């Protein structure tokens, strides 16, 4: 059956899509300030208005993470005079990341650094929306860290070779991507690196989160943000979190290939692997 995200939504609100696109733009400006001149010419004061109209406060115990380190964010609504208050409905909060190959966020607000693109330092934003409200938090990322404490070991023996140009600077740290063909089943085990204990099944407490390019965990409609075809998403990828099996979508359509970030957690232990879907 198709992968069922922890919190799935049939339709992404237009305000949420607009906010996520603007945050991606804002992150670009933060990295390359020279782009600001062009943006001002194109959208005037719209980007500045976006920053000034944030009405959610997103906080974490630490905003500096090394690879493999995690922290949980909290979200509150901004009140008058720099005070905050509880959200009226916290269950409506949806998270996203501006750089899912470097910083992932789970549906419950846990944030983990999974790479820095090979650079000595990197940064990324975590975005929170709750209805029409939004806010963000910036994280500084470093390659110094414990790294993954869980590892995914493929059990399928018929996986295709990874295409020569599939590994890019945007590949997450610490493990080579795995290739799967359209419609192919990838069987795997997840083990604790220190003890070797098998933690594949969700019955052991392991939780899985998938990213499809939009930055939102378990996104059923990443194409709204990515602009690509709706070929690879939480609605087309089948995932069995008890048996340890991912089934690639039956067709990539006009895509040459597609990338999936598979993140997994068991209490404080974390791991991740990039999966590249290729044509048959």
C-alpha atoms as a PDB file:
ATOM      1  CA  UNK A   1       0.000   0.000   0.000  1.00  0.00           C
ATOM      2  CA  UNK A   2       1.168   3.589  -0.514  1.00  0.00           C
ATOM      3  CA  UNK A   3       3.256   5.062   2.252  1.00  0.00           C
ATOM      4  CA  UNK A   4       1.043   6.719   4.864  1.00  0.00           C
ATOM      5  CA  UNK A   5       2.622   9.838   6.369  1.00  0.00           C
ATOM      6  CA  UNK A   6       2.104  10.621  10.021  1.00  0.00           C
ATOM      7  CA  UNK A   7      -0.034  13.599   9.047  1.00  0.00           C
ATOM      8  CA  UNK A   8      -1.185  13.649   5.435  1.00  0.00           C
ATOM      9  CA  UNK A   9      -3.243  16.303   3.696  1.00  0.00           C
ATOM     10  CA  UNK A  10      -5.125  15.854   0.441  1.00  0.00           C
ATOM     11  CA  UNK A  11      -4.670  19.480  -0.595  1.00  0.00           C
ATOM     12  CA  UNK A  12      -1.863  21.843   0.328  1.00  0.00           C
ATOM     13  CA  UNK A  13      -3.337  25.280   1.109  1.00  0.00           C
ATOM     14  CA  UNK A  14      -2.298  27.976  -1.345  1.00  0.00           C
ATOM     15  CA  UNK A  15      -1.031  30.142   1.505  1.00  0.00           C
ATOM     16  CA  UNK A  16       1.271  27.334   2.662  1.00  0.00           C
ATOM     17  CA  UNK A  17       2.656  26.763  -0.838  1.00  0.00           C
ATOM     18  CA  UNK A  18       3.257  30.493  -1.288  1.00  0.00           C
ATOM     19  CA  UNK A  19       5.023  30.676   2.084  1.00  0.00           C
ATOM     20  CA  UNK A  20       7.296  27.705   1.326  1.00  0.00           C
ATOM     21  CA  UNK A  21       8.306  29.142  -2.055  1.00  0.00           C
ATOM     22  CA  UNK A  22       9.063  32.495  -0.442  1.00  0.00           C
ATOM     23  CA  UNK A  23      11.156  30.836   2.261  1.00  0.00           C
ATOM     24  CA  UNK A  24      13.172  29.009  -0.387  1.00  0.00           C
ATOM     25  CA  UNK A  25      13.737  32.400  -2.025  1.00  0.00           C
ATOM     26  CA  UNK A  26      14.665  33.984   1.295  1.00  0.00           C
ATOM     27  CA  UNK A  27      17.186  31.221   1.943  1.00  0.00           C
ATOM     28  CA  UNK A  28      18.765  31.960  -1.437  1.00  0.00           C
ATOM     29  CA  UNK A  29      19.075  35.618  -0.507  1.00  0.00           C
ATOM     30  CA  UNK A  30      20.678  34.687   2.808  1.00  0.00           C
ATOM     31  CA  UNK A  31      23.315  32.634   0.975  1.00  0.00           C
ATOM     32  CA  UNK A  32      23.890  35.039  -1.901  1.00  0.00           C
ATOM     33  CA  UNK A  33      22.983  38.626  -0.926  1.00  0.00           C
ATOM     34  CA  UNK A  34      23.760  39.883  -4.422  1.00  0.00           C
ATOM     35  CA  UNK A  35      20.572  38.167  -5.571  1.00  0.00           C
ATOM     36  CA  UNK A  36      18.624  40.668  -3.457  1.00  0.00           C
ATOM     37  CA  UNK A  37      18.939  43.421  -6.075  1.00  0.00           C
ATOM     38  CA  UNK A  38      17.291  41.246  -8.709  1.00  0.00           C
ATOM     39  CA  UNK A  39      14.570  40.130  -6.309  1.00  0.00           C
ATOM     40  CA  UNK A  40      13.740  43.670  -5.337  1.00  0.00           C
ATOM     41  CA  UNK A  41      13.391  44.553  -9.019  1.00  0.00           C
ATOM     42  CA  UNK A  42      11.095  41.566  -9.587  1.00  0.00           C
ATOM     43  CA  UNK A  43       8.917  41.485  -6.475  1.00  0.00           C
ATOM     44  CA  UNK A  44       9.472  44.871  -4.852  1.00  0.00           C
ATOM     45  CA  UNK A  45       8.926  44.814  -1.088  1.00  0.00           C
ATOM     46  CA  UNK A  46       7.135  41.454  -1.101  1.00  0.00           C
ATOM     47  CA  UNK A  47      10.081  39.516   0.335  1.00  0.00           C
ATOM     48  CA  UNK A  48      10.659  42.101   3.057  1.00  0.00           C
ATOM     49  CA  UNK A  49       6.969  41.924   3.902  1.00  0.00           C
ATOM     50  CA  UNK A  50       7.278  38.144   4.241  1.00  0.00           C
ATOM     51  CA  UNK A  51      10.010  38.487   6.882  1.00  0.00           C
ATOM     52  CA  UNK A  52       8.128  41.157   8.794  1.00  0.00           C
ATOM     53  CA  UNK A  53       4.812  39.286   8.833  1.00  0.00           C
ATOM     54  CA  UNK A  54       6.035  36.105  10.522  1.00  0.00           C
ATOM     55  CA  UNK A  55       3.586  35.435  13.346  1.00  0.00           C
ATOM     56  CA  UNK A  56       4.943  32.145  14.706  1.00  0.00           C
ATOM     57  CA  UNK A  57       7.916  31.854  17.060  1.00  0.00           C
ATOM     58  CA  UNK A  58      10.054  28.795  16.294  1.00  0.00           C
ATOM     59  CA  UNK A  59      12.629  27.927  18.974  1.00  0.00           C
ATOM     60  CA  UNK A  60      15.092  25.130  19.799  1.00  0.00           C
ATOM     61  CA  UNK A  61      17.508  24.406  22.642  1.00  0.00           C
ATOM     62  CA  UNK A  62      20.359  24.682  20.127  1.00  0.00           C
ATOM     63  CA  UNK A  63      20.560  25.994  16.589  1.00  0.00           C
ATOM     64  CA  UNK A  64      24.060  24.644  15.901  1.00  0.00           C
ATOM     65  CA  UNK A  65      24.131  20.986  14.842  1.00  0.00           C
ATOM     66  CA  UNK A  66      26.848  18.589  13.705  1.00  0.00           C
ATOM     67  CA  UNK A  67      26.105  15.672  11.406  1.00  0.00           C
ATOM     68  CA  UNK A  68      23.967  13.161  13.304  1.00  0.00           C
ATOM     69  CA  UNK A  69      22.889  15.597  16.021  1.00  0.00           C
ATOM     70  CA  UNK A  70      19.207  16.277  16.670  1.00  0.00           C
ATOM     71  CA  UNK A  71      17.095  18.819  18.506  1.00  0.00           C
ATOM     72  CA  UNK A  72      13.361  19.337  18.784  1.00  0.00           C
ATOM     73  CA  UNK A  73      11.754  22.635  17.837  1.00  0.00           C
ATOM     74  CA  UNK A  74       8.832  24.238  19.618  1.00  0.00           C
ATOM     75  CA  UNK A  75       6.311  26.512  17.956  1.00  0.00           C
ATOM     76  CA  UNK A  76       4.230  29.214  19.625  1.00  0.00           C
ATOM     77  CA  UNK A  77       2.215  32.109  18.263  1.00  0.00           C
ATOM     78  CA  UNK A  78       3.565  35.586  18.698  1.00  0.00           C
ATOM     79  CA  UNK A  79       1.583  37.831  21.040  1.00  0.00           C
ATOM     80  CA  UNK A  80       1.952  41.513  21.877  1.00  0.00           C
ATOM     81  CA  UNK A  81       5.095  43.048  23.375  1.00  0.00           C
ATOM     82  CA  UNK A  82       7.444  40.218  22.371  1.00  0.00           C
ATOM     83  CA  UNK A  83       5.431  37.634  24.275  1.00  0.00           C
ATOM     84  CA  UNK A  84       4.248  34.284  22.931  1.00  0.00           C
ATOM     85  CA  UNK A  85       1.268  32.035  23.598  1.00  0.00           C
ATOM     86  CA  UNK A  86       0.275  28.438  22.991  1.00  0.00           C
ATOM     87  CA  UNK A  87      -1.046  27.553  19.559  1.00  0.00           C
ATOM     88  CA  UNK A  88      -4.806  27.188  19.414  1.00  0.00           C
ATOM     89  CA  UNK A  89      -4.458  23.903  17.521  1.00  0.00           C
ATOM     90  CA  UNK A  90      -0.878  22.507  17.557  1.00  0.00           C
ATOM     91  CA  UNK A  91      -1.991  19.487  15.500  1.00  0.00           C
ATOM     92  CA  UNK A  92      -2.288  21.756  12.441  1.00  0.00           C
ATOM     93  CA  UNK A  93       1.427  22.590  12.479  1.00  0.00           C
ATOM     94  CA  UNK A  94       3.260  21.484   9.342  1.00  0.00           C
ATOM     95  CA  UNK A  95       7.053  21.602   9.026  1.00  0.00           C
ATOM     96  CA  UNK A  96       9.441  21.886   6.095  1.00  0.00           C
ATOM     97  CA  UNK A  97      13.172  22.358   5.522  1.00  0.00           C
ATOM     98  CA  UNK A  98      14.905  24.501   2.934  1.00  0.00           C
ATOM     99  CA  UNK A  99      17.686  21.901   2.459  1.00  0.00           C
ATOM    100  CA  UNK A 100      16.485  18.326   2.908  1.00  0.00           C
ATOM    101  CA  UNK A 101      19.893  16.915   1.929  1.00  0.00           C
ATOM    102  CA  UNK A 102      21.480  18.748   4.863  1.00  0.00           C
ATOM    103  CA  UNK A 103      18.770  19.244   7.480  1.00  0.00           C
ATOM    104  CA  UNK A 104      15.668  17.100   7.879  1.00  0.00           C
ATOM    105  CA  UNK A 105      12.647  17.668  10.075  1.00  0.00           C
ATOM    106  CA  UNK A 106      10.219  14.983  11.166  1.00  0.00           C
ATOM    107  CA  UNK A 107       6.462  15.534  11.469  1.00  0.00           C
ATOM    108  CA  UNK A 108       6.769  15.857  15.266  1.00  0.00           C
ATOM    109  CA  UNK A 109       9.372  18.632  15.095  1.00  0.00           C
ATOM    110  CA  UNK A 110      12.646  16.707  15.540  1.00  0.00           C
ATOM    111  CA  UNK A 111      15.416  18.275  13.446  1.00  0.00           C
ATOM    112  CA  UNK A 112      18.614  16.429  12.422  1.00  0.00           C
ATOM    113  CA  UNK A 113      21.701  17.478  10.473  1.00  0.00           C
ATOM    114  CA  UNK A 114      22.507  14.879   7.780  1.00  0.00           C
ATOM    115  CA  UNK A 115      25.187  16.703   5.795  1.00  0.00           C
ATOM    116  CA  UNK A 116      26.834  19.966   4.812  1.00  0.00           C
ATOM    117  CA  UNK A 117      27.380  19.411   1.062  1.00  0.00           C
ATOM    118  CA  UNK A 118      31.047  18.718   1.812  1.00  0.00           C
ATOM    119  CA  UNK A 119      31.558  22.231   3.146  1.00  0.00           C
ATOM    120  CA  UNK A 120      33.142  23.151   6.505  1.00  0.00           C
ATOM    121  CA  UNK A 121      29.945  24.932   7.451  1.00  0.00           C
ATOM    122  CA  UNK A 122      26.448  25.246   6.064  1.00  0.00           C
ATOM    123  CA  UNK A 123      23.082  26.615   7.116  1.00  0.00           C
ATOM    124  CA  UNK A 124      19.436  25.805   6.503  1.00  0.00           C
ATOM    125  CA  UNK A 125      16.033  26.921   7.669  1.00  0.00           C
ATOM    126  CA  UNK A 126      13.229  24.999   9.306  1.00  0.00           C
ATOM    127  CA  UNK A 127       9.812  26.387   8.483  1.00  0.00           C
ATOM    128  CA  UNK A 128       6.609  25.956  10.484  1.00  0.00           C
ATOM    129  CA  UNK A 129       3.091  26.766   9.323  1.00  0.00           C
ATOM    130  CA  UNK A 130      -0.145  26.573  11.268  1.00  0.00           C
ATOM    131  CA  UNK A 131      -3.098  27.588   9.176  1.00  0.00           C
ATOM    132  CA  UNK A 132      -2.239  30.974   7.674  1.00  0.00           C
ATOM    133  CA  UNK A 133       0.493  31.612  10.267  1.00  0.00           C
ATOM    134  CA  UNK A 134       4.160  30.960   9.604  1.00  0.00           C
ATOM    135  CA  UNK A 135       7.635  31.268  11.095  1.00  0.00           C
ATOM    136  CA  UNK A 136      11.153  29.936  10.612  1.00  0.00           C
ATOM    137  CA  UNK A 137      14.349  29.125  12.473  1.00  0.00           C
ATOM    138  CA  UNK A 138      17.874  29.181  11.051  1.00  0.00           C
ATOM    139  CA  UNK A 139      20.337  26.364  11.856  1.00  0.00           C
ATOM    140  CA  UNK A 140      24.119  26.420  11.508  1.00  0.00           C
ATOM    141  CA  UNK A 141      25.466  23.041  10.379  1.00  0.00           C
ATOM    142  CA  UNK A 142      28.885  21.455  10.805  1.00  0.00           C
ATOM    143  CA  UNK A 143      30.465  18.203   9.557  1.00  0.00           C
ATOM    144  CA  UNK A 144      31.770  17.587  13.097  1.00  0.00           C
ATOM    145  CA  UNK A 145      29.304  15.306  14.830  1.00  0.00           C
ATOM    146  CA  UNK A 146      28.587  11.691  15.756  1.00  0.00           C
ATOM    147  CA  UNK A 147      27.295  10.852  12.287  1.00  0.00           C
ATOM    148  CA  UNK A 148      24.564   8.267  11.769  1.00  0.00           C
ATOM    149  CA  UNK A 149      24.051   5.802  14.609  1.00  0.00           C
ATOM    150  CA  UNK A 150      21.726   3.595  12.564  1.00  0.00           C
ATOM    151  CA  UNK A 151      22.609   2.081   9.199  1.00  0.00           C
ATOM    152  CA  UNK A 152      20.418   0.807   6.380  1.00  0.00           C
ATOM    153  CA  UNK A 153      21.710  -2.401   4.776  1.00  0.00           C
ATOM    154  CA  UNK A 154      20.076  -3.432   1.479  1.00  0.00           C
ATOM    155  CA  UNK A 155      18.889  -7.036   1.407  1.00  0.00           C
ATOM    156  CA  UNK A 156      17.859  -7.057  -2.266  1.00  0.00           C
ATOM    157  CA  UNK A 157      20.491  -8.610  -4.523  1.00  0.00           C
ATOM    158  CA  UNK A 158      19.154  -7.322  -7.845  1.00  0.00           C
ATOM    159  CA  UNK A 159      19.581  -3.580  -7.410  1.00  0.00           C
ATOM    160  CA  UNK A 160      20.901  -1.716 -10.475  1.00  0.00           C
ATOM    161  CA  UNK A 161      24.256   0.081 -10.360  1.00  0.00           C
ATOM    162  CA  UNK A 162      24.189   3.701  -9.363  1.00  0.00           C
ATOM    163  CA  UNK A 163      24.472   5.948 -12.456  1.00  0.00           C
ATOM    164  CA  UNK A 164      27.870   7.582 -12.760  1.00  0.00           C
ATOM    165  CA  UNK A 165      26.543  11.112 -12.360  1.00  0.00           C
ATOM    166  CA  UNK A 166      23.959  10.337  -9.664  1.00  0.00           C
ATOM    167  CA  UNK A 167      26.216  11.260  -6.761  1.00  0.00           C
ATOM    168  CA  UNK A 168      26.297  15.049  -6.425  1.00  0.00           C
ATOM    169  CA  UNK A 169      27.527  17.555  -3.814  1.00  0.00           C
ATOM    170  CA  UNK A 170      23.942  17.541  -2.542  1.00  0.00           C
ATOM    171  CA  UNK A 171      24.087  13.875  -1.534  1.00  0.00           C
ATOM    172  CA  UNK A 172      23.694  13.502   2.248  1.00  0.00           C
ATOM    173  CA  UNK A 173      26.737  12.577   4.291  1.00  0.00           C
ATOM    174  CA  UNK A 174      28.171   9.248   5.208  1.00  0.00           C
ATOM    175  CA  UNK A 175      26.740   6.668   2.754  1.00  0.00           C
ATOM    176  CA  UNK A 176      26.513   6.168  -0.999  1.00  0.00           C
ATOM    177  CA  UNK A 177      23.037   6.403  -2.540  1.00  0.00           C
ATOM    178  CA  UNK A 178      21.179   3.246  -3.525  1.00  0.00           C
ATOM    179  CA  UNK A 179      19.595   2.871  -6.967  1.00  0.00           C
ATOM    180  CA  UNK A 180      16.250   1.168  -7.597  1.00  0.00           C
ATOM    181  CA  UNK A 181      14.346   0.735 -10.846  1.00  0.00           C
ATOM    182  CA  UNK A 182      10.790   1.856 -11.465  1.00  0.00           C
ATOM    183  CA  UNK A 183       8.427  -0.495  -9.634  1.00  0.00           C
ATOM    184  CA  UNK A 184      11.280  -2.385  -7.969  1.00  0.00           C
ATOM    185  CA  UNK A 185      11.138  -3.495  -4.349  1.00  0.00           C
ATOM    186  CA  UNK A 186      14.013  -2.531  -2.090  1.00  0.00           C
ATOM    187  CA  UNK A 187      14.231  -4.826   0.918  1.00  0.00           C
ATOM    188  CA  UNK A 188      16.465  -3.664   3.725  1.00  0.00           C
ATOM    189  CA  UNK A 189      17.381  -3.973   7.364  1.00  0.00           C
ATOM    190  CA  UNK A 190      18.126  -1.165   9.798  1.00  0.00           C
ATOM    191  CA  UNK A 191      20.716  -1.920  12.449  1.00  0.00           C
ATOM    192  CA  UNK A 192      22.263  -0.041  15.353  1.00  0.00           C
ATOM    193  CA  UNK A 193      25.860   0.665  14.394  1.00  0.00           C
ATOM    194  CA  UNK A 194      27.201   0.130  17.920  1.00  0.00           C
ATOM    195  CA  UNK A 195      25.408  -3.111  18.842  1.00  0.00           C
ATOM    196  CA  UNK A 196      24.285  -4.534  15.497  1.00  0.00           C
ATOM    197  CA  UNK A 197      20.762  -4.916  16.855  1.00  0.00           C
ATOM    198  CA  UNK A 198      18.082  -5.270  14.184  1.00  0.00           C
ATOM    199  CA  UNK A 199      15.722  -2.302  14.496  1.00  0.00           C
ATOM    200  CA  UNK A 200      14.017  -2.553  11.111  1.00  0.00           C
ATOM    201  CA  UNK A 201      10.423  -3.045  12.218  1.00  0.00           C
ATOM    202  CA  UNK A 202       8.355  -0.152  13.470  1.00  0.00           C
ATOM    203  CA  UNK A 203       7.367  -2.467  16.321  1.00  0.00           C
ATOM    204  CA  UNK A 204      10.844  -1.812  17.801  1.00  0.00           C
ATOM    205  CA  UNK A 205      10.084   1.913  17.900  1.00  0.00           C
ATOM    206  CA  UNK A 206      11.716   2.859  14.598  1.00  0.00           C
ATOM    207  CA  UNK A 207       9.989   5.685  12.711  1.00  0.00           C
ATOM    208  CA  UNK A 208      10.551   6.431   9.029  1.00  0.00           C
ATOM    209  CA  UNK A 209      10.261   9.782   7.259  1.00  0.00           C
ATOM    210  CA  UNK A 210      10.575  10.301   3.506  1.00  0.00           C
ATOM    211  CA  UNK A 211      11.457  13.436   1.552  1.00  0.00           C
ATOM    212  CA  UNK A 212      10.698  13.917  -2.147  1.00  0.00           C
ATOM    213  CA  UNK A 213      12.313  17.250  -3.016  1.00  0.00           C
ATOM    214  CA  UNK A 214       9.849  19.744  -1.554  1.00  0.00           C
ATOM    215  CA  UNK A 215      11.360  19.863   1.942  1.00  0.00           C
ATOM    216  CA  UNK A 216       8.133  18.729   3.596  1.00  0.00           C
ATOM    217  CA  UNK A 217       8.254  15.318   5.333  1.00  0.00           C
ATOM    218  CA  UNK A 218       6.062  12.624   3.779  1.00  0.00           C
ATOM    219  CA  UNK A 219       4.724  15.099   1.231  1.00  0.00           C
ATOM    220  CA  UNK A 220       1.814  13.701  -0.821  1.00  0.00           C
ATOM    221  CA  UNK A 221       2.142  16.527  -3.360  1.00  0.00           C
ATOM    222  CA  UNK A 222       5.802  17.660  -3.677  1.00  0.00           C
ATOM    223  CA  UNK A 223       5.155  18.716  -7.269  1.00  0.00           C
ATOM    224  CA  UNK A 224       3.332  21.815  -5.993  1.00  0.00           C
ATOM    225  CA  UNK A 225       6.665  23.157  -4.752  1.00  0.00           C
ATOM    226  CA  UNK A 226       9.152  21.438  -7.083  1.00  0.00           C
ATOM    227  CA  UNK A 227       7.207  22.154 -10.254  1.00  0.00           C
ATOM    228  CA  UNK A 228       7.924  18.652 -11.568  1.00  0.00           C
ATOM    229  CA  UNK A 229       5.504  15.869 -12.480  1.00  0.00           C
ATOM    230  CA  UNK A 230       3.678  14.049  -9.643  1.00  0.00           C
ATOM    231  CA  UNK A 231       5.613  10.822 -10.230  1.00  0.00           C
ATOM    232  CA  UNK A 232       7.392  10.317  -6.894  1.00  0.00           C
ATOM    233  CA  UNK A 233       5.626  11.194  -3.659  1.00  0.00           C
ATOM    234  CA  UNK A 234       4.080   9.741  -0.525  1.00  0.00           C
ATOM    235  CA  UNK A 235       1.127   8.711  -2.694  1.00  0.00           C
ATOM    236  CA  UNK A 236       3.163   6.768  -5.288  1.00  0.00           C
ATOM    237  CA  UNK A 237       5.891   5.178  -3.145  1.00  0.00           C
ATOM    238  CA  UNK A 238       4.830   2.078  -1.240  1.00  0.00           C
ATOM    239  CA  UNK A 239       6.515   1.577   2.109  1.00  0.00           C
ATOM    240  CA  UNK A 240       6.228  -1.276   4.613  1.00  0.00           C
ATOM    241  CA  UNK A 241       7.657  -0.084   7.917  1.00  0.00           C
ATOM    242  CA  UNK A 242       7.289  -3.471   9.586  1.00  0.00           C
ATOM    243  CA  UNK A 243       8.943  -5.666   6.956  1.00  0.00           C
ATOM    244  CA  UNK A 244      11.511  -3.102   5.801  1.00  0.00           C
ATOM    245  CA  UNK A 245      10.532  -2.705   2.175  1.00  0.00           C
ATOM    246  CA  UNK A 246      10.214   0.258  -0.192  1.00  0.00           C
ATOM    247  CA  UNK A 247       8.570  -0.144  -3.589  1.00  0.00           C
ATOM    248  CA  UNK A 248       9.502   2.487  -6.148  1.00  0.00           C
ATOM    249  CA  UNK A 249       6.728   4.154  -8.174  1.00  0.00           C
ATOM    250  CA  UNK A 250       5.761   2.265 -11.335  1.00  0.00           C
ATOM    251  CA  UNK A 251       6.814   5.083 -13.663  1.00  0.00           C
ATOM    252  CA  UNK A 252       9.014   8.167 -13.569  1.00  0.00           C
ATOM    253  CA  UNK A 253       7.189   9.655 -16.529  1.00  0.00           C
ATOM    254  CA  UNK A 254       9.343  12.320 -18.172  1.00  0.00           C
ATOM    255  CA  UNK A 255      11.856  12.424 -15.305  1.00  0.00           C
ATOM    256  CA  UNK A 256      15.338  11.040 -15.973  1.00  0.00           C
ATOM    257  CA  UNK A 257      15.579   9.959 -12.344  1.00  0.00           C
ATOM    258  CA  UNK A 258      14.188  10.893  -8.951  1.00  0.00           C
ATOM    259  CA  UNK A 259      15.683  11.155  -5.476  1.00  0.00           C
ATOM    260  CA  UNK A 260      14.220  10.130  -2.141  1.00  0.00           C
ATOM    261  CA  UNK A 261      15.754  10.845   1.252  1.00  0.00           C
ATOM    262  CA  UNK A 262      14.834   8.060   3.661  1.00  0.00           C
ATOM    263  CA  UNK A 263      15.358   9.078   7.282  1.00  0.00           C
ATOM    264  CA  UNK A 264      14.838   6.757  10.241  1.00  0.00           C
ATOM    265  CA  UNK A 265      14.893   7.181  13.994  1.00  0.00           C
ATOM    266  CA  UNK A 266      14.753   4.858  16.998  1.00  0.00           C
ATOM    267  CA  UNK A 267      14.735   6.977  20.157  1.00  0.00           C
ATOM    268  CA  UNK A 268      18.055   8.876  20.069  1.00  0.00           C
ATOM    269  CA  UNK A 269      19.518   6.730  17.266  1.00  0.00           C
ATOM    270  CA  UNK A 270      19.241   8.138  13.747  1.00  0.00           C
ATOM    271  CA  UNK A 271      20.206   7.184  10.223  1.00  0.00           C
ATOM    272  CA  UNK A 272      19.481   8.094   6.615  1.00  0.00           C
ATOM    273  CA  UNK A 273      20.048   6.998   3.032  1.00  0.00           C
ATOM    274  CA  UNK A 274      19.442   8.568  -0.339  1.00  0.00           C
ATOM    275  CA  UNK A 275      17.589   6.408  -2.854  1.00  0.00           C
ATOM    276  CA  UNK A 276      17.785   7.166  -6.566  1.00  0.00           C
ATOM    277  CA  UNK A 277      14.919   5.867  -8.724  1.00  0.00           C
ATOM    278  CA  UNK A 278      15.970   5.118 -12.312  1.00  0.00           C
ATOM    279  CA  UNK A 279      14.189   3.850 -15.425  1.00  0.00           C
ATOM    280  CA  UNK A 280      13.856   0.139 -16.042  1.00  0.00           C
END
